[in-house]
Amino acid sequence: MGYSIKTTVGVPQKKDSQDIEQTMKKQTRDLLLLRKDGCYDDHTIEREVESIGRILQNVETISSLCIAFELIDLNRFKIYHDQLSIGKAMRHGGLKPFQFLNNRN
């Protein structure tokens, strides 16, 4: 049996490294919870959604973003792998023209 749960939390306006981490932690997301058993209890579902939320908060940090992505800057013809460069590029109101985040996977 599947349940669709939507969580909505506000996003901060200021963009520094802590705010980027908070933004990553507090995203609006749709969760699809699939259960094998037919019967369900609202308390059990809430507990499972909270545990999924805690897992995602631990995973969604700026350091894990920098591990998974690299910054390709075609203005300088460089590829950046470090957390400082990727954080700076994302902090200043988004990426500049001809800057791209590439997933390393």
PDB file of N, CA and C in Angstrom:
ATOM      1  N   MET A   1       0.846  -1.158   0.000  1.00  0.00           N
ATOM      2  CA  MET A   1       0.000   0.000   0.000  1.00  0.00           C
ATOM      3  C   MET A   1       0.902   1.234   0.000  1.00  0.00           C
ATOM      4  N   GLY A   2       0.651   2.238  -0.788  1.00  0.00           N
ATOM      5  CA  GLY A   2       1.497   3.417  -0.869  1.00  0.00           C
ATOM      6  C   GLY A   2       0.800   4.649  -0.329  1.00  0.00           C
ATOM      7  N   TYR A   3       1.566   5.512   0.277  1.00  0.00           N
ATOM      8  CA  TYR A   3       1.054   6.761   0.816  1.00  0.00           C
ATOM      9  C   TYR A   3       1.909   7.890   0.283  1.00  0.00           C
ATOM     10  N   SER A   4       1.303   8.915  -0.196  1.00  0.00           N
ATOM     11  CA  SER A   4       2.042  10.082  -0.658  1.00  0.00           C
ATOM     12  C   SER A   4       1.944  11.157   0.411  1.00  0.00           C
ATOM     13  N   ILE A   5       3.100  11.618   0.884  1.00  0.00           N
ATOM     14  CA  ILE A   5       3.157  12.597   1.957  1.00  0.00           C
ATOM     15  C   ILE A   5       3.952  13.785   1.468  1.00  0.00           C
ATOM     16  N   LYS A   6       3.401  14.973   1.581  1.00  0.00           N
ATOM     17  CA  LYS A   6       4.076  16.174   1.123  1.00  0.00           C
ATOM     18  C   LYS A   6       4.426  17.036   2.332  1.00  0.00           C
ATOM     19  N   THR A   7       5.703  17.405   2.434  1.00  0.00           N
ATOM     20  CA  THR A   7       6.143  18.278   3.514  1.00  0.00           C
ATOM     21  C   THR A   7       6.546  19.614   2.931  1.00  0.00           C
ATOM     22  N   THR A   8       6.177  20.698   3.589  1.00  0.00           N
ATOM     23  CA  THR A   8       6.486  22.033   3.107  1.00  0.00           C
ATOM     24  C   THR A   8       7.107  22.836   4.234  1.00  0.00           C
ATOM     25  N   VAL A   9       8.280  23.396   3.972  1.00  0.00           N
ATOM     26  CA  VAL A   9       8.963  24.231   4.954  1.00  0.00           C
ATOM     27  C   VAL A   9       9.524  25.436   4.214  1.00  0.00           C
ATOM     28  N   GLY A  10       9.545  26.614   4.855  1.00  0.00           N
ATOM     29  CA  GLY A  10      10.059  27.827   4.223  1.00  0.00           C
ATOM     30  C   GLY A  10      11.547  27.758   3.937  1.00  0.00           C
ATOM     31  N   VAL A  11      11.986  28.535   2.954  1.00  0.00           N
ATOM     32  CA  VAL A  11      13.386  28.589   2.544  1.00  0.00           C
ATOM     33  C   VAL A  11      13.957  29.942   2.944  1.00  0.00           C
ATOM     34  N   PRO A  12      15.145  29.973   3.586  1.00  0.00           N
ATOM     35  CA  PRO A  12      15.718  31.259   3.989  1.00  0.00           C
ATOM     36  C   PRO A  12      16.140  32.099   2.789  1.00  0.00           C
ATOM     37  N   GLN A  13      16.115  33.422   2.945  1.00  0.00           N
ATOM     38  CA  GLN A  13      16.464  34.338   1.865  1.00  0.00           C
ATOM     39  C   GLN A  13      17.968  34.534   1.732  1.00  0.00           C
ATOM     40  N   LYS A  14      18.689  34.619   2.844  1.00  0.00           N
ATOM     41  CA  LYS A  14      20.131  34.858   2.846  1.00  0.00           C
ATOM     42  C   LYS A  14      20.860  33.589   2.431  1.00  0.00           C
ATOM     43  N   LYS A  15      21.894  33.721   1.611  1.00  0.00           N
ATOM     44  CA  LYS A  15      22.610  32.564   1.096  1.00  0.00           C
ATOM     45  C   LYS A  15      24.065  32.565   1.577  1.00  0.00           C
ATOM     46  N   ASP A  16      24.352  31.912   2.696  1.00  0.00           N
ATOM     47  CA  ASP A  16      25.720  31.622   3.053  1.00  0.00           C
ATOM     48  C   ASP A  16      25.815  30.116   3.257  1.00  0.00           C
ATOM     49  N   SER A  17      26.971  29.597   3.659  1.00  0.00           N
ATOM     50  CA  SER A  17      27.146  28.149   3.687  1.00  0.00           C
ATOM     51  C   SER A  17      26.193  27.479   4.658  1.00  0.00           C
ATOM     52  N   GLN A  18      25.907  28.108   5.800  1.00  0.00           N
ATOM     53  CA  GLN A  18      24.962  27.508   6.734  1.00  0.00           C
ATOM     54  C   GLN A  18      23.552  27.530   6.166  1.00  0.00           C
ATOM     55  N   ASP A  19      23.188  28.625   5.493  1.00  0.00           N
ATOM     56  CA  ASP A  19      21.861  28.715   4.908  1.00  0.00           C
ATOM     57  C   ASP A  19      21.687  27.732   3.761  1.00  0.00           C
ATOM     58  N   ILE A  20      22.758  27.467   3.019  1.00  0.00           N
ATOM     59  CA  ILE A  20      22.676  26.477   1.944  1.00  0.00           C
ATOM     60  C   ILE A  20      22.405  25.111   2.547  1.00  0.00           C
ATOM     61  N   GLU A  21      23.084  24.787   3.668  1.00  0.00           N
ATOM     62  CA  GLU A  21      22.835  23.513   4.325  1.00  0.00           C
ATOM     63  C   GLU A  21      21.411  23.451   4.846  1.00  0.00           C
ATOM     64  N   GLN A  22      20.915  24.542   5.429  1.00  0.00           N
ATOM     65  CA  GLN A  22      19.546  24.558   5.928  1.00  0.00           C
ATOM     66  C   GLN A  22      18.552  24.440   4.792  1.00  0.00           C
ATOM     67  N   THR A  23      18.837  25.069   3.666  1.00  0.00           N
ATOM     68  CA  THR A  23      17.962  24.970   2.504  1.00  0.00           C
ATOM     69  C   THR A  23      17.910  23.536   2.013  1.00  0.00           C
ATOM     70  N   MET A  24      19.062  22.889   1.983  1.00  0.00           N
ATOM     71  CA  MET A  24      19.105  21.508   1.542  1.00  0.00           C
ATOM     72  C   MET A  24      18.340  20.613   2.509  1.00  0.00           C
ATOM     73  N   LYS A  25      18.389  20.928   3.814  1.00  0.00           N
ATOM     74  CA  LYS A  25      17.685  20.127   4.798  1.00  0.00           C
ATOM     75  C   LYS A  25      16.192  20.386   4.766  1.00  0.00           C
ATOM     76  N   LYS A  26      15.763  21.617   4.465  1.00  0.00           N
ATOM     77  CA  LYS A  26      14.366  22.007   4.554  1.00  0.00           C
ATOM     78  C   LYS A  26      13.765  22.212   3.168  1.00  0.00           C
ATOM     79  N   GLN A  27      13.761  21.206   2.377  1.00  0.00           N
ATOM     80  CA  GLN A  27      13.199  21.311   1.047  1.00  0.00           C
ATOM     81  C   GLN A  27      11.764  20.809   1.050  1.00  0.00           C
ATOM     82  N   THR A  28      11.005  21.273   0.093  1.00  0.00           N
ATOM     83  CA  THR A  28       9.680  20.719  -0.132  1.00  0.00           C
ATOM     84  C   THR A  28       9.876  19.457  -0.955  1.00  0.00           C
ATOM     85  N   ARG A  29       9.358  18.372  -0.453  1.00  0.00           N
ATOM     86  CA  ARG A  29       9.565  17.116  -1.177  1.00  0.00           C
ATOM     87  C   ARG A  29       8.314  16.267  -1.073  1.00  0.00           C
ATOM     88  N   ASP A  30       8.141  15.436  -2.042  1.00  0.00           N
ATOM     89  CA  ASP A  30       7.068  14.450  -2.034  1.00  0.00           C
ATOM     90  C   ASP A  30       7.697  13.117  -1.665  1.00  0.00           C
ATOM     91  N   LEU A  31       7.154  12.491  -0.634  1.00  0.00           N
ATOM     92  CA  LEU A  31       7.640  11.185  -0.217  1.00  0.00           C
ATOM     93  C   LEU A  31       6.594  10.142  -0.553  1.00  0.00           C
ATOM     94  N   LEU A  32       7.017   9.072  -1.148  1.00  0.00           N
ATOM     95  CA  LEU A  32       6.125   7.963  -1.436  1.00  0.00           C
ATOM     96  C   LEU A  32       6.539   6.830  -0.510  1.00  0.00           C
ATOM     97  N   LEU A  33       5.686   6.497   0.429  1.00  0.00           N
ATOM     98  CA  LEU A  33       5.984   5.486   1.430  1.00  0.00           C
ATOM     99  C   LEU A  33       5.262   4.205   1.041  1.00  0.00           C
ATOM    100  N   LEU A  34       6.021   3.179   0.722  1.00  0.00           N
ATOM    101  CA  LEU A  34       5.444   1.893   0.330  1.00  0.00           C
ATOM    102  C   LEU A  34       5.557   0.928   1.502  1.00  0.00           C
ATOM    103  N   ARG A  35       4.438   0.301   1.832  1.00  0.00           N
ATOM    104  CA  ARG A  35       4.405  -0.648   2.943  1.00  0.00           C
ATOM    105  C   ARG A  35       3.986  -2.008   2.409  1.00  0.00           C
ATOM    106  N   LYS A  36       4.564  -3.037   2.985  1.00  0.00           N
ATOM    107  CA  LYS A  36       4.269  -4.386   2.541  1.00  0.00           C
ATOM    108  C   LYS A  36       2.960  -4.904   3.147  1.00  0.00           C
ATOM    109  N   ASP A  37       2.684  -4.525   4.388  1.00  0.00           N
ATOM    110  CA  ASP A  37       1.467  -5.017   5.026  1.00  0.00           C
ATOM    111  C   ASP A  37       0.260  -4.174   4.634  1.00  0.00           C
ATOM    112  N   GLY A  38      -0.927  -4.759   4.669  1.00  0.00           N
ATOM    113  CA  GLY A  38      -2.146  -4.088   4.244  1.00  0.00           C
ATOM    114  C   GLY A  38      -2.687  -3.125   5.275  1.00  0.00           C
ATOM    115  N   CYS A  39      -2.517  -3.440   6.559  1.00  0.00           N
ATOM    116  CA  CYS A  39      -3.045  -2.552   7.593  1.00  0.00           C
ATOM    117  C   CYS A  39      -2.014  -1.486   7.931  1.00  0.00           C
ATOM    118  N   TYR A  40      -2.492  -0.343   8.347  1.00  0.00           N
ATOM    119  CA  TYR A  40      -1.589   0.737   8.685  1.00  0.00           C
ATOM    120  C   TYR A  40      -2.089   1.463   9.914  1.00  0.00           C
ATOM    121  N   ASP A  41      -1.150   2.074  10.604  1.00  0.00           N
ATOM    122  CA  ASP A  41      -1.440   2.869  11.784  1.00  0.00           C
ATOM    123  C   ASP A  41      -0.841   4.248  11.542  1.00  0.00           C
ATOM    124  N   ASP A  42      -1.602   5.297  11.783  1.00  0.00           N
ATOM    125  CA  ASP A  42      -1.110   6.658  11.529  1.00  0.00           C
ATOM    126  C   ASP A  42       0.148   6.967  12.322  1.00  0.00           C
ATOM    127  N   HIS A  43       0.234   6.467  13.536  1.00  0.00           N
ATOM    128  CA  HIS A  43       1.419   6.712  14.369  1.00  0.00           C
ATOM    129  C   HIS A  43       2.659   6.049  13.761  1.00  0.00           C
ATOM    130  N   THR A  44       2.493   4.836  13.259  1.00  0.00           N
ATOM    131  CA  THR A  44       3.611   4.125  12.619  1.00  0.00           C
ATOM    132  C   THR A  44       4.076   4.854  11.373  1.00  0.00           C
ATOM    133  N   ILE A  45       3.148   5.340  10.585  1.00  0.00           N
ATOM    134  CA  ILE A  45       3.504   6.070   9.363  1.00  0.00           C
ATOM    135  C   ILE A  45       4.235   7.361   9.722  1.00  0.00           C
ATOM    136  N   GLU A  46       3.751   8.100  10.721  1.00  0.00           N
ATOM    137  CA  GLU A  46       4.435   9.325  11.153  1.00  0.00           C
ATOM    138  C   GLU A  46       5.846   9.030  11.626  1.00  0.00           C
ATOM    139  N   ARG A  47       6.003   7.934  12.375  1.00  0.00           N
ATOM    140  CA  ARG A  47       7.330   7.569  12.874  1.00  0.00           C
ATOM    141  C   ARG A  47       8.271   7.224  11.716  1.00  0.00           C
ATOM    142  N   GLU A  48       7.784   6.513  10.715  1.00  0.00           N
ATOM    143  CA  GLU A  48       8.611   6.174   9.559  1.00  0.00           C
ATOM    144  C   GLU A  48       8.996   7.424   8.757  1.00  0.00           C
ATOM    145  N   VAL A  49       8.052   8.355   8.583  1.00  0.00           N
ATOM    146  CA  VAL A  49       8.350   9.591   7.851  1.00  0.00           C
ATOM    147  C   VAL A  49       9.378  10.419   8.615  1.00  0.00           C
ATOM    148  N   GLU A  50       9.274  10.481   9.934  1.00  0.00           N
ATOM    149  CA  GLU A  50      10.265  11.214  10.737  1.00  0.00           C
ATOM    150  C   GLU A  50      11.646  10.578  10.627  1.00  0.00           C
ATOM    151  N   SER A  51      11.710   9.247  10.630  1.00  0.00           N
ATOM    152  CA  SER A  51      13.010   8.586  10.511  1.00  0.00           C
ATOM    153  C   SER A  51      13.611   8.805   9.119  1.00  0.00           C
ATOM    154  N   ILE A  52      12.780   8.815   8.080  1.00  0.00           N
ATOM    155  CA  ILE A  52      13.270   9.117   6.729  1.00  0.00           C
ATOM    156  C   ILE A  52      13.787  10.550   6.680  1.00  0.00           C
ATOM    157  N   GLY A  53      13.058  11.481   7.319  1.00  0.00           N
ATOM    158  CA  GLY A  53      13.502  12.872   7.382  1.00  0.00           C
ATOM    159  C   GLY A  53      14.835  13.024   8.087  1.00  0.00           C
ATOM    160  N   ARG A  54      15.043  12.279   9.191  1.00  0.00           N
ATOM    161  CA  ARG A  54      16.339  12.341   9.901  1.00  0.00           C
ATOM    162  C   ARG A  54      17.466  11.789   9.037  1.00  0.00           C
ATOM    163  N   ILE A  55      17.185  10.720   8.313  1.00  0.00           N
ATOM    164  CA  ILE A  55      18.209  10.150   7.425  1.00  0.00           C
ATOM    165  C   ILE A  55      18.588  11.155   6.345  1.00  0.00           C
ATOM    166  N   LEU A  56      17.594  11.796   5.739  1.00  0.00           N
ATOM    167  CA  LEU A  56      17.867  12.770   4.683  1.00  0.00           C
ATOM    168  C   LEU A  56      18.598  13.995   5.213  1.00  0.00           C
ATOM    169  N   GLN A  57      18.310  14.423   6.448  1.00  0.00           N
ATOM    170  CA  GLN A  57      19.021  15.563   7.029  1.00  0.00           C
ATOM    171  C   GLN A  57      20.492  15.254   7.222  1.00  0.00           C
ATOM    172  N   ASN A  58      20.809  14.014   7.590  1.00  0.00           N
ATOM    173  CA  ASN A  58      22.209  13.638   7.776  1.00  0.00           C
ATOM    174  C   ASN A  58      22.957  13.545   6.455  1.00  0.00           C
ATOM    175  N   VAL A  59      22.241  13.208   5.399  1.00  0.00           N
ATOM    176  CA  VAL A  59      22.880  13.016   4.098  1.00  0.00           C
ATOM    177  C   VAL A  59      22.982  14.325   3.315  1.00  0.00           C
ATOM    178  N   GLU A  60      21.977  15.185   3.432  1.00  0.00           N
ATOM    179  CA  GLU A  60      21.907  16.399   2.619  1.00  0.00           C
ATOM    180  C   GLU A  60      22.653  17.551   3.294  1.00  0.00           C
ATOM    181  N   THR A  61      23.965  17.555   3.164  1.00  0.00           N
ATOM    182  CA  THR A  61      24.798  18.636   3.691  1.00  0.00           C
ATOM    183  C   THR A  61      25.644  19.190   2.559  1.00  0.00           C
ATOM    184  N   ILE A  62      26.247  20.356   2.792  1.00  0.00           N
ATOM    185  CA  ILE A  62      27.096  20.970   1.763  1.00  0.00           C
ATOM    186  C   ILE A  62      28.326  20.105   1.487  1.00  0.00           C
ATOM    187  N   SER A  63      28.839  19.414   2.501  1.00  0.00           N
ATOM    188  CA  SER A  63      30.008  18.563   2.278  1.00  0.00           C
ATOM    189  C   SER A  63      29.653  17.358   1.411  1.00  0.00           C
ATOM    190  N   SER A  64      28.464  16.772   1.620  1.00  0.00           N
ATOM    191  CA  SER A  64      28.075  15.648   0.760  1.00  0.00           C
ATOM    192  C   SER A  64      27.747  16.124  -0.650  1.00  0.00           C
ATOM    193  N   LEU A  65      27.233  17.348  -0.785  1.00  0.00           N
ATOM    194  CA  LEU A  65      27.012  17.920  -2.111  1.00  0.00           C
ATOM    195  C   LEU A  65      28.334  18.073  -2.845  1.00  0.00           C
ATOM    196  N   CYS A  66      29.348  18.546  -2.141  1.00  0.00           N
ATOM    197  CA  CYS A  66      30.655  18.748  -2.770  1.00  0.00           C
ATOM    198  C   CYS A  66      31.333  17.430  -3.107  1.00  0.00           C
ATOM    199  N   ILE A  67      31.028  16.391  -2.364  1.00  0.00           N
ATOM    200  CA  ILE A  67      31.578  15.080  -2.694  1.00  0.00           C
ATOM    201  C   ILE A  67      30.921  14.541  -3.958  1.00  0.00           C
ATOM    202  N   ALA A  68      29.634  14.782  -4.116  1.00  0.00           N
ATOM    203  CA  ALA A  68      28.886  14.218  -5.235  1.00  0.00           C
ATOM    204  C   ALA A  68      28.980  15.050  -6.513  1.00  0.00           C
ATOM    205  N   PHE A  69      29.309  16.357  -6.394  1.00  0.00           N
ATOM    206  CA  PHE A  69      29.322  17.242  -7.558  1.00  0.00           C
ATOM    207  C   PHE A  69      30.680  17.896  -7.739  1.00  0.00           C
ATOM    208  N   GLU A  70      30.907  18.350  -8.944  1.00  0.00           N
ATOM    209  CA  GLU A  70      32.065  19.180  -9.259  1.00  0.00           C
ATOM    210  C   GLU A  70      31.564  20.409 -10.008  1.00  0.00           C
ATOM    211  N   LEU A  71      32.300  21.507  -9.892  1.00  0.00           N
ATOM    212  CA  LEU A  71      31.930  22.759 -10.545  1.00  0.00           C
ATOM    213  C   LEU A  71      32.779  22.922 -11.794  1.00  0.00           C
ATOM    214  N   ILE A  72      32.122  23.014 -12.929  1.00  0.00           N
ATOM    215  CA  ILE A  72      32.816  23.248 -14.195  1.00  0.00           C
ATOM    216  C   ILE A  72      32.643  24.714 -14.525  1.00  0.00           C
ATOM    217  N   ASP A  73      33.745  25.440 -14.553  1.00  0.00           N
ATOM    218  CA  ASP A  73      33.731  26.881 -14.832  1.00  0.00           C
ATOM    219  C   ASP A  73      34.346  27.099 -16.205  1.00  0.00           C
ATOM    220  N   LEU A  74      33.506  27.353 -17.199  1.00  0.00           N
ATOM    221  CA  LEU A  74      33.998  27.562 -18.562  1.00  0.00           C
ATOM    222  C   LEU A  74      34.533  28.973 -18.765  1.00  0.00           C
ATOM    223  N   ASN A  75      34.274  29.877 -17.817  1.00  0.00           N
ATOM    224  CA  ASN A  75      34.856  31.217 -17.897  1.00  0.00           C
ATOM    225  C   ASN A  75      36.357  31.166 -17.644  1.00  0.00           C
ATOM    226  N   ARG A  76      36.784  30.283 -16.760  1.00  0.00           N
ATOM    227  CA  ARG A  76      38.214  30.147 -16.414  1.00  0.00           C
ATOM    228  C   ARG A  76      38.812  28.849 -16.934  1.00  0.00           C
ATOM    229  N   PHE A  77      37.987  28.028 -17.572  1.00  0.00           N
ATOM    230  CA  PHE A  77      38.418  26.725 -18.090  1.00  0.00           C
ATOM    231  C   PHE A  77      39.020  25.863 -16.990  1.00  0.00           C
ATOM    232  N   LYS A  78      38.286  25.775 -15.845  1.00  0.00           N
ATOM    233  CA  LYS A  78      38.743  24.978 -14.708  1.00  0.00           C
ATOM    234  C   LYS A  78      37.607  24.118 -14.192  1.00  0.00           C
ATOM    235  N   ILE A  79      37.993  23.050 -13.536  1.00  0.00           N
ATOM    236  CA  ILE A  79      37.047  22.177 -12.848  1.00  0.00           C
ATOM    237  C   ILE A  79      37.432  22.181 -11.378  1.00  0.00           C
ATOM    238  N   TYR A  80      36.456  22.525 -10.520  1.00  0.00           N
ATOM    239  CA  TYR A  80      36.694  22.623  -9.088  1.00  0.00           C
ATOM    240  C   TYR A  80      36.039  21.448  -8.381  1.00  0.00           C
ATOM    241  N   HIS A  81      36.780  20.874  -7.427  1.00  0.00           N
ATOM    242  CA  HIS A  81      36.278  19.757  -6.644  1.00  0.00           C
ATOM    243  C   HIS A  81      36.152  20.111  -5.170  1.00  0.00           C
ATOM    244  N   ASP A  82      36.674  21.258  -4.756  1.00  0.00           N
ATOM    245  CA  ASP A  82      36.729  21.585  -3.331  1.00  0.00           C
ATOM    246  C   ASP A  82      35.438  22.243  -2.853  1.00  0.00           C
ATOM    247  N   GLN A  83      35.180  22.088  -1.564  1.00  0.00           N
ATOM    248  CA  GLN A  83      33.954  22.588  -0.952  1.00  0.00           C
ATOM    249  C   GLN A  83      33.887  24.104  -0.977  1.00  0.00           C
ATOM    250  N   LEU A  84      35.005  24.786  -0.813  1.00  0.00           N
ATOM    251  CA  LEU A  84      35.032  26.244  -0.778  1.00  0.00           C
ATOM    252  C   LEU A  84      34.579  26.834  -2.117  1.00  0.00           C
ATOM    253  N   SER A  85      35.104  26.348  -3.211  1.00  0.00           N
ATOM    254  CA  SER A  85      34.747  26.883  -4.529  1.00  0.00           C
ATOM    255  C   SER A  85      33.297  26.601  -4.890  1.00  0.00           C
ATOM    256  N   ILE A  86      32.827  25.409  -4.601  1.00  0.00           N
ATOM    257  CA  ILE A  86      31.447  25.061  -4.913  1.00  0.00           C
ATOM    258  C   ILE A  86      30.502  25.860  -4.025  1.00  0.00           C
ATOM    259  N   GLY A  87      30.847  26.022  -2.751  1.00  0.00           N
ATOM    260  CA  GLY A  87      30.031  26.820  -1.841  1.00  0.00           C
ATOM    261  C   GLY A  87      29.969  28.278  -2.243  1.00  0.00           C
ATOM    262  N   LYS A  88      31.111  28.851  -2.666  1.00  0.00           N
ATOM    263  CA  LYS A  88      31.129  30.247  -3.129  1.00  0.00           C
ATOM    264  C   LYS A  88      30.261  30.438  -4.360  1.00  0.00           C
ATOM    265  N   ALA A  89      30.355  29.513  -5.287  1.00  0.00           N
ATOM    266  CA  ALA A  89      29.588  29.629  -6.530  1.00  0.00           C
ATOM    267  C   ALA A  89      28.090  29.556  -6.260  1.00  0.00           C
ATOM    268  N   MET A  90      27.680  28.740  -5.323  1.00  0.00           N
ATOM    269  CA  MET A  90      26.255  28.602  -5.021  1.00  0.00           C
ATOM    270  C   MET A  90      25.755  29.721  -4.115  1.00  0.00           C
ATOM    271  N   ARG A  91      26.638  30.314  -3.346  1.00  0.00           N
ATOM    272  CA  ARG A  91      26.246  31.321  -2.367  1.00  0.00           C
ATOM    273  C   ARG A  91      25.834  32.630  -3.006  1.00  0.00           C
ATOM    274  N   HIS A  92      26.451  33.048  -4.053  1.00  0.00           N
ATOM    275  CA  HIS A  92      26.233  34.370  -4.637  1.00  0.00           C
ATOM    276  C   HIS A  92      25.053  34.380  -5.599  1.00  0.00           C
ATOM    277  N   GLY A  93      23.902  33.968  -5.129  1.00  0.00           N
ATOM    278  CA  GLY A  93      22.692  34.046  -5.950  1.00  0.00           C
ATOM    279  C   GLY A  93      22.659  33.063  -7.097  1.00  0.00           C
ATOM    280  N   GLY A  94      23.247  31.927  -6.948  1.00  0.00           N
ATOM    281  CA  GLY A  94      23.223  30.927  -8.009  1.00  0.00           C
ATOM    282  C   GLY A  94      24.497  30.950  -8.830  1.00  0.00           C
ATOM    283  N   LEU A  95      24.548  30.104  -9.797  1.00  0.00           N
ATOM    284  CA  LEU A  95      25.731  29.995 -10.638  1.00  0.00           C
ATOM    285  C   LEU A  95      25.762  31.117 -11.667  1.00  0.00           C
ATOM    286  N   LYS A  96      26.962  31.550 -11.991  1.00  0.00           N
ATOM    287  CA  LYS A  96      27.147  32.555 -13.031  1.00  0.00           C
ATOM    288  C   LYS A  96      26.968  31.884 -14.391  1.00  0.00           C
ATOM    289  N   PRO A  97      26.828  32.679 -15.440  1.00  0.00           N
ATOM    290  CA  PRO A  97      26.750  32.072 -16.778  1.00  0.00           C
ATOM    291  C   PRO A  97      27.999  31.244 -17.077  1.00  0.00           C
ATOM    292  N   PHE A  98      27.806  30.130 -17.709  1.00  0.00           N
ATOM    293  CA  PHE A  98      28.859  29.196 -18.110  1.00  0.00           C
ATOM    294  C   PHE A  98      29.547  28.544 -16.916  1.00  0.00           C
ATOM    295  N   GLN A  99      28.846  28.437 -15.794  1.00  0.00           N
ATOM    296  CA  GLN A  99      29.268  27.615 -14.668  1.00  0.00           C
ATOM    297  C   GLN A  99      28.234  26.507 -14.521  1.00  0.00           C
ATOM    298  N   PHE A 100      28.712  25.290 -14.365  1.00  0.00           N
ATOM    299  CA  PHE A 100      27.810  24.148 -14.313  1.00  0.00           C
ATOM    300  C   PHE A 100      28.199  23.234 -13.170  1.00  0.00           C
ATOM    301  N   LEU A 101      27.194  22.667 -12.502  1.00  0.00           N
ATOM    302  CA  LEU A 101      27.419  21.621 -11.519  1.00  0.00           C
ATOM    303  C   LEU A 101      27.235  20.284 -12.222  1.00  0.00           C
ATOM    304  N   ASN A 102      28.238  19.461 -12.124  1.00  0.00           N
ATOM    305  CA  ASN A 102      28.219  18.161 -12.773  1.00  0.00           C
ATOM    306  C   ASN A 102      28.237  17.076 -11.700  1.00  0.00           C
ATOM    307  N   ASN A 103      27.306  16.128 -11.800  1.00  0.00           N
ATOM    308  CA  ASN A 103      27.272  15.031 -10.860  1.00  0.00           C
ATOM    309  C   ASN A 103      28.392  14.054 -11.226  1.00  0.00           C
ATOM    310  N   ARG A 104      29.170  13.641 -10.233  1.00  0.00           N
ATOM    311  CA  ARG A 104      30.308  12.762 -10.485  1.00  0.00           C
ATOM    312  C   ARG A 104      29.916  11.301 -10.673  1.00  0.00           C
ATOM    313  N   ASN A 105      28.699  10.952 -10.357  1.00  0.00           N
ATOM    314  CA  ASN A 105      28.301   9.539 -10.436  1.00  0.00           C
ATOM    315  C   ASN A 105      28.161   9.105 -11.862  1.00  0.00           C
TER     316      ASN A 105
END
